[in-house]
């Protein structure tokens, strides 16, 4: 008994795969956007860390306490 491949089945499979690919492409775009936001947040955090490490930030509390 040989298996027959129906053209309709092949077409349905192709359509299903195209929809699946479209879904994953959409999800990938969302992930790329989230990654970009996270990279920006990391950059800002690194700038803050650098400022604090090099004491480029004024400690207003300490200055106030030193005056009093």
N, C-alpha and C. Protein backbone atom coordinates (compact mmCIF):
# COMPACT_ATOMS: atom_id res chain seq x y z
N UNK A 1 0.85 -1.17 0.00
CA UNK A 1 0.00 0.00 0.00
C UNK A 1 0.90 1.24 0.00
N UNK A 2 0.77 2.05 -0.97
CA UNK A 2 1.60 3.25 -1.07
C UNK A 2 0.84 4.45 -0.53
N UNK A 3 1.62 5.38 0.00
CA UNK A 3 1.00 6.61 0.52
C UNK A 3 0.88 7.61 -0.60
N UNK A 4 -0.25 8.22 -0.67
CA UNK A 4 -0.47 9.27 -1.65
C UNK A 4 -0.33 10.63 -0.97
N UNK A 5 0.33 11.51 -1.64
CA UNK A 5 0.46 12.88 -1.14
C UNK A 5 -0.56 13.72 -1.87
N UNK A 6 -1.46 14.24 -1.09
CA UNK A 6 -2.49 15.09 -1.69
C UNK A 6 -1.96 16.51 -1.78
N UNK A 7 -2.19 17.14 -2.91
CA UNK A 7 -1.75 18.51 -3.12
C UNK A 7 -2.36 19.44 -2.07
N UNK A 8 -3.59 19.21 -1.70
CA UNK A 8 -4.25 20.04 -0.69
C UNK A 8 -3.52 19.95 0.65
N UNK A 9 -3.04 18.75 1.00
CA UNK A 9 -2.30 18.58 2.25
C UNK A 9 -0.98 19.34 2.22
N UNK A 10 -0.31 19.30 1.09
CA UNK A 10 0.96 20.01 0.94
C UNK A 10 0.73 21.52 1.04
N UNK A 11 -0.31 21.99 0.39
CA UNK A 11 -0.63 23.43 0.43
C UNK A 11 -1.01 23.85 1.84
N UNK A 12 -1.82 23.03 2.53
CA UNK A 12 -2.21 23.34 3.91
C UNK A 12 -0.98 23.39 4.81
N UNK A 13 -0.06 22.46 4.61
CA UNK A 13 1.17 22.43 5.40
C UNK A 13 2.00 23.68 5.16
N UNK A 14 2.08 24.09 3.90
CA UNK A 14 2.83 25.30 3.53
C UNK A 14 2.22 26.53 4.19
N UNK A 15 0.90 26.64 4.15
CA UNK A 15 0.20 27.78 4.75
C UNK A 15 0.42 27.80 6.26
N UNK A 16 0.35 26.64 6.88
CA UNK A 16 0.57 26.54 8.33
C UNK A 16 1.98 27.00 8.69
N UNK A 17 2.95 26.58 7.91
CA UNK A 17 4.35 26.96 8.16
C UNK A 17 4.56 28.45 7.93
N UNK A 18 3.91 29.02 6.94
CA UNK A 18 4.02 30.46 6.69
C UNK A 18 3.44 31.26 7.86
N UNK A 19 2.30 30.80 8.40
CA UNK A 19 1.70 31.47 9.54
C UNK A 19 2.59 31.35 10.77
N UNK A 20 3.17 30.18 10.94
CA UNK A 20 4.08 29.96 12.07
C UNK A 20 5.30 30.87 11.95
N UNK A 21 5.85 30.98 10.76
CA UNK A 21 6.99 31.85 10.51
C UNK A 21 6.64 33.31 10.79
N UNK A 22 5.47 33.72 10.35
CA UNK A 22 5.01 35.09 10.59
C UNK A 22 4.90 35.37 12.09
N UNK A 23 4.37 34.39 12.83
CA UNK A 23 4.26 34.53 14.28
C UNK A 23 5.64 34.72 14.91
N UNK A 24 6.59 33.87 14.54
CA UNK A 24 7.93 33.96 15.14
C UNK A 24 8.66 35.23 14.72
N UNK A 25 8.42 35.71 13.52
CA UNK A 25 9.03 36.98 13.10
C UNK A 25 8.48 38.13 13.93
N UNK A 26 7.19 38.10 14.22
CA UNK A 26 6.57 39.13 15.05
C UNK A 26 7.13 39.07 16.47
N UNK A 27 7.26 37.88 17.02
CA UNK A 27 7.82 37.72 18.36
C UNK A 27 9.27 38.17 18.40
N UNK A 28 10.01 37.90 17.34
CA UNK A 28 11.40 38.31 17.26
C UNK A 28 11.53 39.84 17.26
N UNK A 29 10.63 40.51 16.54
CA UNK A 29 10.63 41.98 16.54
C UNK A 29 10.38 42.51 17.95
N UNK A 30 9.44 41.90 18.66
CA UNK A 30 9.16 42.31 20.04
C UNK A 30 10.40 42.11 20.92
N UNK A 31 11.06 40.99 20.74
CA UNK A 31 12.26 40.71 21.54
C UNK A 31 13.37 41.70 21.23
N UNK A 32 13.52 42.06 19.96
CA UNK A 32 14.53 43.05 19.58
C UNK A 32 14.25 44.40 20.24
N UNK A 33 12.98 44.77 20.31
CA UNK A 33 12.61 46.03 20.96
C UNK A 33 12.92 45.98 22.45
N UNK A 34 12.59 44.87 23.09
CA UNK A 34 12.88 44.72 24.52
C UNK A 34 14.38 44.74 24.76
N UNK A 35 15.14 44.10 23.88
CA UNK A 35 16.59 44.09 24.02
C UNK A 35 17.16 45.50 23.89
N UNK A 36 16.63 46.28 22.98
CA UNK A 36 17.10 47.66 22.80
C UNK A 36 16.85 48.48 24.07
N UNK A 37 15.68 48.32 24.66
CA UNK A 37 15.36 49.04 25.89
C UNK A 37 16.30 48.61 27.01
N UNK A 38 16.53 47.31 27.13
CA UNK A 38 17.43 46.82 28.17
C UNK A 38 18.85 47.33 27.97
N UNK A 39 19.30 47.39 26.73
CA UNK A 39 20.64 47.93 26.46
C UNK A 39 20.74 49.39 26.89
N UNK A 40 19.70 50.16 26.60
CA UNK A 40 19.69 51.56 27.02
C UNK A 40 19.72 51.68 28.54
N UNK A 41 18.95 50.85 29.22
CA UNK A 41 18.93 50.87 30.68
C UNK A 41 20.29 50.49 31.25
N UNK A 42 20.93 49.51 30.65
CA UNK A 42 22.27 49.11 31.09
C UNK A 42 23.26 50.25 30.87
N UNK A 43 23.17 50.92 29.74
CA UNK A 43 24.05 52.06 29.46
C UNK A 43 23.88 53.16 30.51
N UNK A 44 22.64 53.48 30.84
CA UNK A 44 22.37 54.50 31.85
C UNK A 44 22.93 54.07 33.20
N UNK A 45 22.72 52.81 33.55
CA UNK A 45 23.24 52.29 34.81
C UNK A 45 24.76 52.36 34.85
N UNK A 46 25.40 52.02 33.75
CA UNK A 46 26.86 52.09 33.69
C UNK A 46 27.36 53.52 33.83
N UNK A 47 26.65 54.47 33.26
CA UNK A 47 27.02 55.88 33.41
C UNK A 47 26.92 56.29 34.88
N UNK A 48 25.84 55.89 35.53
CA UNK A 48 25.65 56.22 36.94
C UNK A 48 26.77 55.60 37.78
N UNK A 49 27.07 54.34 37.52
CA UNK A 49 28.15 53.66 38.25
C UNK A 49 29.47 54.39 38.04
N UNK A 50 29.75 54.78 36.81
CA UNK A 50 30.99 55.49 36.51
C UNK A 50 31.05 56.83 37.24
N UNK A 51 29.94 57.55 37.26
CA UNK A 51 29.90 58.83 37.97
C UNK A 51 30.17 58.66 39.46
N UNK A 52 29.55 57.64 40.04
CA UNK A 52 29.73 57.40 41.47
C UNK A 52 31.16 56.95 41.76
N UNK A 53 31.71 56.08 40.93
CA UNK A 53 33.08 55.59 41.13
C UNK A 53 34.09 56.73 41.09
N UNK A 54 33.86 57.66 40.22
CA UNK A 54 34.81 58.76 40.05
C UNK A 54 34.39 60.01 40.82
N UNK A 55 33.43 59.83 41.71
CA UNK A 55 32.96 60.90 42.59
C UNK A 55 32.60 62.16 41.83
N UNK A 56 31.95 62.00 40.72
CA UNK A 56 31.53 63.14 39.93
C UNK A 56 30.14 63.63 40.35
N UNK A 57 29.58 62.94 41.34
CA UNK A 57 28.26 63.30 41.83
C UNK A 57 28.44 63.98 43.19
N UNK A 58 27.82 65.11 43.35
CA UNK A 58 27.93 65.82 44.63
C UNK A 58 27.08 65.14 45.67
N UNK A 59 27.64 65.00 46.85
CA UNK A 59 26.91 64.43 47.98
C UNK A 59 26.34 65.58 48.80
N UNK A 60 25.15 66.00 48.44
CA UNK A 60 24.53 67.15 49.09
C UNK A 60 24.28 66.90 50.58
N UNK A 61 23.95 65.69 50.93
CA UNK A 61 23.71 65.36 52.33
C UNK A 61 24.99 65.57 53.13
N UNK A 62 26.09 65.07 52.62
CA UNK A 62 27.37 65.21 53.31
C UNK A 62 27.78 66.68 53.40
N UNK A 63 27.60 67.40 52.33
CA UNK A 63 27.94 68.83 52.33
C UNK A 63 27.11 69.59 53.36
N UNK A 64 25.84 69.26 53.46
CA UNK A 64 24.96 69.91 54.42
C UNK A 64 25.39 69.58 55.85
N UNK A 65 25.70 68.31 56.09
CA UNK A 65 26.13 67.89 57.42
C UNK A 65 27.46 68.53 57.79
N UNK A 66 28.36 68.67 56.84
CA UNK A 66 29.67 69.27 57.11
C UNK A 66 29.53 70.75 57.48
N UNK A 67 28.56 71.42 56.91
CA UNK A 67 28.36 72.84 57.20
C UNK A 67 27.77 73.04 58.58
N UNK A 68 27.03 72.07 59.08
CA UNK A 68 26.37 72.20 60.39
C UNK A 68 27.11 71.50 61.46
